[in-house]
C-alpha cells in the first residue's frame, strides 16, 4: 500500500512540476503578446508625443530668447536712465544759474569790475553745466511757438490771443529737459487761447 501511495505522490509531484513549467511558458507567451501589442499601438502615440515635445521645446527656446532680449533691454535702460533722479535735481541748478544771469541784464559792468567777474563766473559755470548735460544725454528744449503737447509741456496759464490759433505756446516759464528721449521735466509754458 505504501508503494501505491508513493506512486501517487510521485505522480502528483510530477504533475505539479509540469504545471509549474507550463505556467512559466504561459507567462512568457502572455508577456510576448502584451509586448507586441504595446509596440504596435505606441508608434502612433510616440509620434504625437514627439510632435508635442518638439513644439514645447520650440516654445521654451523662444521664451528663453525673449527673456534674454528683455533682460538685455532692461539692463540697457537701467544703465541709460540710471541718472534720472540726479538729473532732475541738477536741472534746478541750471535754472538758478539762468535766473542769476537774467537778473543782472542791463547792469553796467564797466563801472563794477566785481559784478562783471561774478557774472562771467556764473556764465562760465552754466556753460560748463550745459556741456556736462550734453555728454550725459540731458537735453534742454524750448518749445516757444510750437503746438502744445501735454506729454512734453505743462500749461501754467492761457493767454488770450487773436493772432495765433488756440494751443500754441506763446510764453516760456521754464524750459523742459529730456534724458535720452525721456522727459525729465516738461516745459512749463503759457498757451494761446484764440478770441475767435
Protein backbone atom coordinates (compact mmCIF):
# COMPACT_ATOMS: atom_id res chain seq x y z
CA UNK A 1 0.00 0.00 0.00
CA UNK A 2 2.80 2.25 0.71
CA UNK A 3 4.03 1.59 -2.71
CA UNK A 4 0.80 2.78 -4.20
CA UNK A 5 0.84 5.90 -2.12
CA UNK A 6 4.43 6.58 -3.09
CA UNK A 7 3.48 6.24 -6.74
CA UNK A 8 0.55 8.64 -6.28
CA UNK A 9 2.66 11.24 -4.52
CA UNK A 10 5.36 10.94 -7.21
CA UNK A 11 2.68 11.35 -9.84
CA UNK A 12 1.30 14.44 -8.09
CA UNK A 13 4.79 15.91 -7.79
CA UNK A 14 5.37 15.27 -11.46
CA UNK A 15 2.06 16.93 -12.34
CA UNK A 16 2.87 19.94 -10.16
CA UNK A 17 6.31 20.30 -11.69
CA UNK A 18 4.84 20.03 -15.15
CA UNK A 19 2.17 22.61 -14.33
CA UNK A 20 4.78 24.97 -12.97
CA UNK A 21 6.79 24.62 -16.18
CA UNK A 22 3.66 25.24 -18.23
CA UNK A 23 2.89 28.22 -16.05
CA UNK A 24 6.25 29.76 -16.95
CA UNK A 25 5.66 29.17 -20.64
CA UNK A 26 2.17 30.66 -20.46
CA UNK A 27 3.51 33.73 -18.67
CA UNK A 28 6.23 34.20 -21.28
CA UNK A 29 3.73 33.85 -24.10
CA UNK A 30 1.35 36.32 -22.46
CA UNK A 31 4.18 38.80 -21.87
CA UNK A 32 5.20 38.48 -25.51
CA UNK A 33 1.64 39.11 -26.64
CA UNK A 34 1.35 42.17 -24.39
CA UNK A 35 4.74 43.49 -25.54
CA UNK A 36 3.80 43.10 -29.19
CA UNK A 37 0.52 44.93 -28.51
CA UNK A 38 2.43 47.75 -26.78
CA UNK A 39 4.89 48.02 -29.65
CA UNK A 40 2.20 48.35 -32.29
CA UNK A 41 -0.06 50.90 -30.52
CA UNK A 42 2.52 53.34 -29.13
CA UNK A 43 4.12 54.01 -32.53
CA UNK A 44 1.20 56.30 -33.27
CA UNK A 45 1.26 57.60 -29.72
CA UNK A 46 5.03 58.22 -29.79
CA UNK A 47 4.75 60.30 -32.94
CA UNK A 48 2.17 62.53 -31.25
CA UNK A 49 4.30 62.78 -28.15
CA UNK A 50 7.38 63.63 -30.21
CA UNK A 51 5.47 66.39 -32.02
CA UNK A 52 4.17 67.73 -28.72
CA UNK A 53 7.63 67.65 -27.14
CA UNK A 54 9.18 69.35 -30.19
CA UNK A 55 6.51 72.04 -30.01
CA UNK A 56 7.14 72.54 -26.30
CA UNK A 57 10.89 72.66 -26.92
CA UNK A 58 10.49 75.31 -29.62
CA UNK A 59 8.20 77.37 -27.39
CA UNK A 60 10.64 77.14 -24.49
CA UNK A 61 13.53 78.14 -26.74
CA UNK A 62 11.54 81.14 -28.00
CA UNK A 63 10.59 82.06 -24.45
CA UNK A 64 14.23 81.89 -23.34
CA UNK A 65 15.27 84.06 -26.30
CA UNK A 66 12.55 86.61 -25.48
CA UNK A 67 13.61 86.61 -21.83
CA UNK A 68 17.24 87.16 -22.86
CA UNK A 69 16.27 90.09 -25.11
CA UNK A 70 14.01 91.59 -22.45
CA UNK A 71 16.75 91.27 -19.81
CA UNK A 72 19.26 92.90 -22.14
CA UNK A 73 16.83 95.78 -22.87
CA UNK A 74 16.10 96.25 -19.16
CA UNK A 75 19.83 96.28 -18.41
CA UNK A 76 20.48 98.84 -21.14
CA UNK A 77 17.60 101.01 -19.87
CA UNK A 78 18.86 100.73 -16.30
CA UNK A 79 22.27 101.99 -17.43
CA UNK A 80 20.82 104.61 -19.79
CA UNK A 81 18.39 106.07 -17.24
CA UNK A 82 20.29 105.41 -14.01
CA UNK A 83 20.98 109.12 -13.54
CA UNK A 84 17.33 110.21 -13.84
CA UNK A 85 16.87 111.23 -10.20
CA UNK A 86 20.20 113.06 -10.09
CA UNK A 87 19.49 114.77 -13.41
CA UNK A 88 16.09 116.01 -12.17
CA UNK A 89 17.79 117.51 -9.15
CA UNK A 90 20.65 119.12 -11.06
CA UNK A 91 18.47 120.84 -13.68
CA UNK A 92 17.19 123.14 -10.93
CA UNK A 93 20.78 124.34 -10.55
CA UNK A 94 20.85 125.18 -14.26
CA UNK A 95 17.55 127.07 -13.83
CA UNK A 96 19.00 129.05 -10.92
CA UNK A 97 22.13 129.95 -12.90
CA UNK A 98 19.99 131.13 -15.84
CA UNK A 99 17.86 133.25 -13.50
CA UNK A 100 21.01 134.75 -11.96
CA UNK A 101 22.28 135.74 -15.41
CA UNK A 102 18.88 137.20 -16.40
CA UNK A 103 18.63 139.20 -13.18
CA UNK A 104 21.76 141.22 -13.92
CA UNK A 105 20.89 142.03 -17.53
CA UNK A 106 21.07 145.77 -18.03
CA UNK A 107 23.68 146.38 -15.33
CA UNK A 108 26.69 148.40 -16.48
CA UNK A 109 29.63 146.06 -15.84
CA UNK A 110 32.22 148.60 -16.94
CA UNK A 111 31.79 150.56 -13.73
CA UNK A 112 31.70 147.49 -11.46
CA UNK A 113 34.54 145.02 -12.04
CA UNK A 114 33.46 142.75 -9.18
CA UNK A 115 29.99 142.35 -10.66
CA UNK A 116 31.50 141.67 -14.10
CA UNK A 117 33.74 138.95 -12.65
CA UNK A 118 30.80 137.38 -10.81
CA UNK A 119 28.66 137.49 -13.96
CA UNK A 120 31.43 135.87 -16.04
CA UNK A 121 31.86 133.14 -13.40
CA UNK A 122 28.14 132.31 -13.35
CA UNK A 123 28.02 132.29 -17.16
CA UNK A 124 31.08 130.02 -17.33
CA UNK A 125 29.54 127.66 -14.75
CA UNK A 126 26.29 127.49 -16.74
CA UNK A 127 28.21 126.75 -19.96
CA UNK A 128 30.19 124.02 -18.22
CA UNK A 129 27.00 122.51 -16.78
CA UNK A 130 25.38 122.56 -20.23
CA UNK A 131 28.36 120.66 -21.68
CA UNK A 132 28.11 118.08 -18.88
CA UNK A 133 24.39 117.70 -19.64
CA UNK A 134 25.18 117.13 -23.31
CA UNK A 135 27.80 114.46 -22.55
CA UNK A 136 25.33 112.62 -20.31
CA UNK A 137 22.35 112.69 -22.67
CA UNK A 138 20.47 115.52 -20.93
CA UNK A 139 18.93 117.88 -23.45
CA UNK A 140 17.19 121.20 -22.86
CA UNK A 141 14.23 122.06 -25.10
CA UNK A 142 12.44 125.35 -25.64
CA UNK A 143 9.03 124.83 -27.30
CA UNK A 144 8.18 128.51 -27.90
CA UNK A 145 5.95 128.78 -30.99
CA UNK A 146 5.16 125.04 -31.09
CA UNK A 147 1.80 123.34 -30.71
CA UNK A 148 1.04 122.39 -27.09
CA UNK A 149 1.70 118.70 -26.35
CA UNK A 150 0.65 117.53 -22.86
CA UNK A 151 3.28 114.76 -22.88
CA UNK A 152 6.08 117.34 -23.21
CA UNK A 153 4.60 120.58 -21.89
CA UNK A 154 2.85 121.75 -18.75
CA UNK A 155 0.39 124.61 -19.30
CA UNK A 156 0.72 127.15 -16.50
CA UNK A 157 -1.76 129.67 -17.92
CA UNK A 158 -3.64 130.67 -21.07
CA UNK A 159 -3.02 133.90 -22.95
CA UNK A 160 -5.90 135.44 -24.95
CA UNK A 161 -4.52 135.96 -28.42
CA UNK A 162 -6.20 136.90 -31.68
CA UNK A 163 -3.04 136.42 -33.78
CA UNK A 164 -2.47 132.71 -33.09
CA UNK A 165 -4.77 129.73 -33.07
CA UNK A 166 -5.54 128.08 -29.73
CA UNK A 167 -2.96 125.73 -28.27
CA UNK A 168 0.21 127.47 -29.47
CA UNK A 169 2.94 128.05 -26.87
CA UNK A 170 3.45 131.82 -26.62
CA UNK A 171 5.31 132.11 -23.30
CA UNK A 172 8.06 130.02 -21.70
CA UNK A 173 8.12 129.91 -17.90
CA UNK A 174 10.76 127.15 -17.60
CA UNK A 175 12.42 125.10 -20.34
CA UNK A 176 11.89 121.36 -20.50
CA UNK A 177 14.57 118.70 -20.20
CA UNK A 178 14.94 115.23 -21.69
CA UNK A 179 17.22 112.37 -20.74
CA UNK A 180 17.79 110.09 -23.74
CA UNK A 181 14.31 110.71 -25.21
CA UNK A 182 12.55 110.51 -21.82
CA UNK A 183 11.06 113.66 -20.37
CA UNK A 184 12.84 114.67 -17.17
CA UNK A 185 10.74 117.75 -16.74
CA UNK A 186 8.04 119.08 -19.05
CA UNK A 187 8.47 122.63 -20.28
CA UNK A 188 6.28 124.98 -18.23
CA UNK A 189 4.53 127.26 -20.68
CA UNK A 190 1.80 129.78 -21.38
CA UNK A 191 -0.58 128.69 -24.14
CA UNK A 192 -2.53 130.89 -26.54
CA UNK A 193 -6.30 130.97 -26.37
CA UNK A 194 -7.99 132.21 -29.51
CA UNK A 195 -10.55 135.01 -29.14
CA UNK A 196 -12.45 133.67 -32.13
